[in-house]
Amino acid sequence: MELREELKQLIIESLALEEITPSDIKDDEPLFNEGLGLDSIDALELGMALKRKYDITLESNKEENQKYFYSVRLQILWSQK
């Protein structure tokens, strides 16, 4: 499975988004607020799922984390660091 689709599936499964499919999540669309509409609790859950699956450590810098969580495309770039 391509990383892009894997990340979309992880978002759906870890946040129990039952009515969302991977094709509903656009690569450049914001995941929070407008766009997919996720909130801060979703961010914590998604961060934990990313850490478990990819062994990614989140920074303590809130602005830096917000940048990486903006969209699927930015998550892909971040996970390839």
N, C-alpha and C. Protein backbone atom coordinates (compact mmCIF):
# COMPACT_ATOMS: atom_id res chain seq x y z
N MET A 1 0.85 -1.18 0.00
CA MET A 1 0.00 0.00 0.00
C MET A 1 0.90 1.24 0.00
N GLU A 2 0.56 2.20 -0.79
CA GLU A 2 1.30 3.46 -0.88
C GLU A 2 1.18 4.23 0.44
N LEU A 3 2.24 4.94 0.82
CA LEU A 3 2.26 5.67 2.09
C LEU A 3 1.08 6.62 2.22
N ARG A 4 0.74 7.29 1.15
CA ARG A 4 -0.39 8.24 1.17
C ARG A 4 -1.67 7.54 1.60
N GLU A 5 -1.97 6.39 0.99
CA GLU A 5 -3.18 5.64 1.33
C GLU A 5 -3.08 5.04 2.74
N GLU A 6 -1.88 4.63 3.11
CA GLU A 6 -1.66 4.08 4.45
C GLU A 6 -1.96 5.13 5.52
N LEU A 7 -1.50 6.37 5.30
CA LEU A 7 -1.76 7.45 6.25
C LEU A 7 -3.25 7.78 6.32
N LYS A 8 -3.90 7.81 5.19
CA LYS A 8 -5.34 8.09 5.18
C LYS A 8 -6.10 7.00 5.94
N GLN A 9 -5.72 5.76 5.73
CA GLN A 9 -6.37 4.65 6.42
C GLN A 9 -6.10 4.73 7.93
N LEU A 10 -4.89 5.13 8.30
CA LEU A 10 -4.55 5.29 9.71
C LEU A 10 -5.40 6.38 10.35
N ILE A 11 -5.61 7.48 9.65
CA ILE A 11 -6.45 8.57 10.15
C ILE A 11 -7.87 8.05 10.39
N ILE A 12 -8.41 7.35 9.42
CA ILE A 12 -9.77 6.83 9.52
C ILE A 12 -9.91 5.84 10.67
N GLU A 13 -8.98 4.88 10.75
CA GLU A 13 -9.08 3.84 11.78
C GLU A 13 -8.81 4.37 13.18
N SER A 14 -7.78 5.19 13.33
CA SER A 14 -7.42 5.65 14.67
C SER A 14 -8.43 6.63 15.24
N LEU A 15 -9.18 7.32 14.36
CA LEU A 15 -10.17 8.29 14.82
C LEU A 15 -11.60 7.78 14.66
N ALA A 16 -11.74 6.52 14.25
CA ALA A 16 -13.06 5.89 14.07
C ALA A 16 -13.99 6.76 13.22
N LEU A 17 -13.47 7.19 12.07
CA LEU A 17 -14.26 8.01 11.14
C LEU A 17 -15.04 7.06 10.22
N GLU A 18 -16.13 6.57 10.70
CA GLU A 18 -16.87 5.50 10.04
C GLU A 18 -17.44 5.86 8.68
N GLU A 19 -17.78 7.11 8.48
CA GLU A 19 -18.41 7.49 7.21
C GLU A 19 -17.43 8.12 6.23
N ILE A 20 -16.14 8.05 6.54
CA ILE A 20 -15.11 8.63 5.69
C ILE A 20 -14.34 7.51 5.00
N THR A 21 -14.03 7.70 3.72
CA THR A 21 -13.18 6.76 2.98
C THR A 21 -11.87 7.46 2.65
N PRO A 22 -10.82 6.71 2.33
CA PRO A 22 -9.56 7.35 1.96
C PRO A 22 -9.71 8.37 0.82
N SER A 23 -10.59 8.10 -0.12
CA SER A 23 -10.77 9.05 -1.24
C SER A 23 -11.44 10.35 -0.80
N ASP A 24 -12.08 10.35 0.37
CA ASP A 24 -12.69 11.57 0.90
C ASP A 24 -11.64 12.52 1.46
N ILE A 25 -10.47 12.01 1.78
CA ILE A 25 -9.40 12.83 2.38
C ILE A 25 -8.47 13.29 1.26
N LYS A 26 -8.51 14.58 0.98
CA LYS A 26 -7.68 15.15 -0.08
C LYS A 26 -6.26 15.40 0.46
N ASP A 27 -5.27 15.18 -0.37
CA ASP A 27 -3.88 15.27 0.07
C ASP A 27 -3.50 16.64 0.62
N ASP A 28 -3.98 17.70 0.01
CA ASP A 28 -3.59 19.05 0.41
C ASP A 28 -4.63 19.75 1.27
N GLU A 29 -5.73 19.09 1.53
CA GLU A 29 -6.81 19.69 2.31
C GLU A 29 -6.44 19.69 3.80
N PRO A 30 -6.77 20.76 4.51
CA PRO A 30 -6.50 20.78 5.95
C PRO A 30 -7.23 19.64 6.66
N LEU A 31 -6.56 19.04 7.61
CA LEU A 31 -7.18 17.98 8.40
C LEU A 31 -8.01 18.56 9.53
N PHE A 32 -7.68 19.76 9.98
CA PHE A 32 -8.33 20.37 11.14
C PHE A 32 -9.16 21.57 10.72
N ASN A 33 -10.14 21.89 11.58
CA ASN A 33 -11.07 23.00 11.36
C ASN A 33 -11.79 22.82 10.03
N GLU A 34 -11.61 23.74 9.09
CA GLU A 34 -12.22 23.54 7.77
C GLU A 34 -11.56 22.29 7.19
N GLY A 35 -11.92 21.81 6.09
CA GLY A 35 -11.34 20.56 5.58
C GLY A 35 -12.01 19.37 6.24
N LEU A 36 -11.24 18.48 6.81
CA LEU A 36 -11.78 17.26 7.42
C LEU A 36 -12.47 17.55 8.75
N GLY A 37 -12.13 18.66 9.39
CA GLY A 37 -12.83 19.07 10.61
C GLY A 37 -12.37 18.42 11.90
N LEU A 38 -11.14 17.94 11.94
CA LEU A 38 -10.63 17.32 13.16
C LEU A 38 -10.38 18.39 14.23
N ASP A 39 -10.32 17.96 15.51
CA ASP A 39 -10.08 18.90 16.60
C ASP A 39 -8.83 18.48 17.39
N SER A 40 -8.58 19.15 18.51
CA SER A 40 -7.35 18.92 19.28
C SER A 40 -7.29 17.51 19.88
N ILE A 41 -8.42 16.96 20.26
CA ILE A 41 -8.46 15.59 20.78
C ILE A 41 -8.07 14.62 19.66
N ASP A 42 -8.59 14.87 18.46
CA ASP A 42 -8.22 14.05 17.31
C ASP A 42 -6.72 14.14 17.05
N ALA A 43 -6.15 15.32 17.22
CA ALA A 43 -4.71 15.50 17.01
C ALA A 43 -3.90 14.62 17.96
N LEU A 44 -4.32 14.56 19.22
CA LEU A 44 -3.63 13.72 20.20
C LEU A 44 -3.73 12.25 19.81
N GLU A 45 -4.92 11.81 19.45
CA GLU A 45 -5.12 10.41 19.07
C GLU A 45 -4.33 10.06 17.81
N LEU A 46 -4.33 10.97 16.84
CA LEU A 46 -3.59 10.75 15.61
C LEU A 46 -2.09 10.72 15.87
N GLY A 47 -1.63 11.61 16.74
CA GLY A 47 -0.21 11.63 17.10
C GLY A 47 0.22 10.32 17.74
N MET A 48 -0.62 9.77 18.61
CA MET A 48 -0.32 8.49 19.26
C MET A 48 -0.29 7.36 18.22
N ALA A 49 -1.23 7.38 17.29
CA ALA A 49 -1.27 6.34 16.25
C ALA A 49 -0.03 6.41 15.36
N LEU A 50 0.39 7.62 15.00
CA LEU A 50 1.60 7.78 14.18
C LEU A 50 2.83 7.30 14.93
N LYS A 51 2.89 7.59 16.22
CA LYS A 51 4.03 7.16 17.03
C LYS A 51 4.09 5.63 17.10
N ARG A 52 2.94 5.00 17.31
CA ARG A 52 2.90 3.53 17.39
C ARG A 52 3.29 2.89 16.06
N LYS A 53 2.73 3.39 14.98
CA LYS A 53 2.93 2.74 13.68
C LYS A 53 4.29 3.04 13.07
N TYR A 54 4.75 4.29 13.17
CA TYR A 54 5.97 4.70 12.47
C TYR A 54 7.11 5.07 13.41
N ASP A 55 6.89 4.94 14.72
CA ASP A 55 7.91 5.28 15.71
C ASP A 55 8.39 6.72 15.54
N ILE A 56 7.43 7.62 15.28
CA ILE A 56 7.72 9.04 15.09
C ILE A 56 7.57 9.74 16.43
N THR A 57 8.54 10.56 16.78
CA THR A 57 8.47 11.33 18.02
C THR A 57 8.02 12.74 17.69
N LEU A 58 6.97 13.19 18.38
CA LEU A 58 6.47 14.55 18.17
C LEU A 58 7.35 15.54 18.91
N GLU A 59 7.49 16.70 18.34
CA GLU A 59 8.25 17.77 18.95
C GLU A 59 7.45 18.39 20.09
N SER A 60 8.12 19.03 21.01
CA SER A 60 7.41 19.75 22.07
C SER A 60 6.91 21.11 21.57
N ASN A 61 7.38 21.53 20.40
CA ASN A 61 7.00 22.80 19.79
C ASN A 61 5.62 22.65 19.12
N LYS A 62 4.60 23.28 19.71
CA LYS A 62 3.23 23.16 19.22
C LYS A 62 3.09 23.65 17.77
N GLU A 63 3.73 24.75 17.43
CA GLU A 63 3.62 25.29 16.07
C GLU A 63 4.21 24.34 15.05
N GLU A 64 5.30 23.70 15.41
CA GLU A 64 5.95 22.74 14.51
C GLU A 64 5.03 21.54 14.28
N ASN A 65 4.42 21.03 15.34
CA ASN A 65 3.49 19.90 15.20
C ASN A 65 2.28 20.28 14.35
N GLN A 66 1.75 21.48 14.55
CA GLN A 66 0.59 21.92 13.76
C GLN A 66 0.94 21.96 12.28
N LYS A 67 2.14 22.36 11.97
CA LYS A 67 2.57 22.42 10.57
C LYS A 67 2.54 21.02 9.95
N TYR A 68 3.06 20.03 10.66
CA TYR A 68 3.12 18.68 10.12
C TYR A 68 1.75 18.01 10.05
N PHE A 69 0.85 18.40 10.92
CA PHE A 69 -0.48 17.79 10.94
C PHE A 69 -1.46 18.52 10.03
N TYR A 70 -1.01 19.52 9.30
CA TYR A 70 -1.91 20.32 8.48
C TYR A 70 -2.63 19.47 7.42
N SER A 71 -1.89 18.61 6.72
CA SER A 71 -2.49 17.82 5.64
C SER A 71 -1.77 16.48 5.51
N VAL A 72 -2.36 15.60 4.74
CA VAL A 72 -1.75 14.29 4.48
C VAL A 72 -0.42 14.47 3.77
N ARG A 73 -0.35 15.40 2.82
CA ARG A 73 0.89 15.61 2.07
C ARG A 73 2.03 16.01 3.01
N LEU A 74 1.78 16.89 3.96
CA LEU A 74 2.82 17.29 4.90
C LEU A 74 3.18 16.15 5.86
N GLN A 75 2.22 15.31 6.20
CA GLN A 75 2.53 14.14 7.04
C GLN A 75 3.46 13.18 6.31
N ILE A 76 3.26 13.04 5.02
CA ILE A 76 4.12 12.17 4.21
C ILE A 76 5.54 12.71 4.23
N LEU A 77 5.69 14.01 3.99
CA LEU A 77 7.03 14.61 4.00
C LEU A 77 7.68 14.47 5.35
N TRP A 78 6.93 14.67 6.42
CA TRP A 78 7.44 14.58 7.78
C TRP A 78 7.87 13.15 8.13
N SER A 79 7.07 12.17 7.72
CA SER A 79 7.38 10.78 8.07
C SER A 79 8.59 10.26 7.31
N GLN A 80 8.98 10.94 6.23
CA GLN A 80 10.14 10.51 5.46
C GLN A 80 11.43 11.18 5.90
N LYS A 81 11.37 11.99 6.97
CA LYS A 81 12.56 12.67 7.47
C LYS A 81 13.56 11.68 8.01
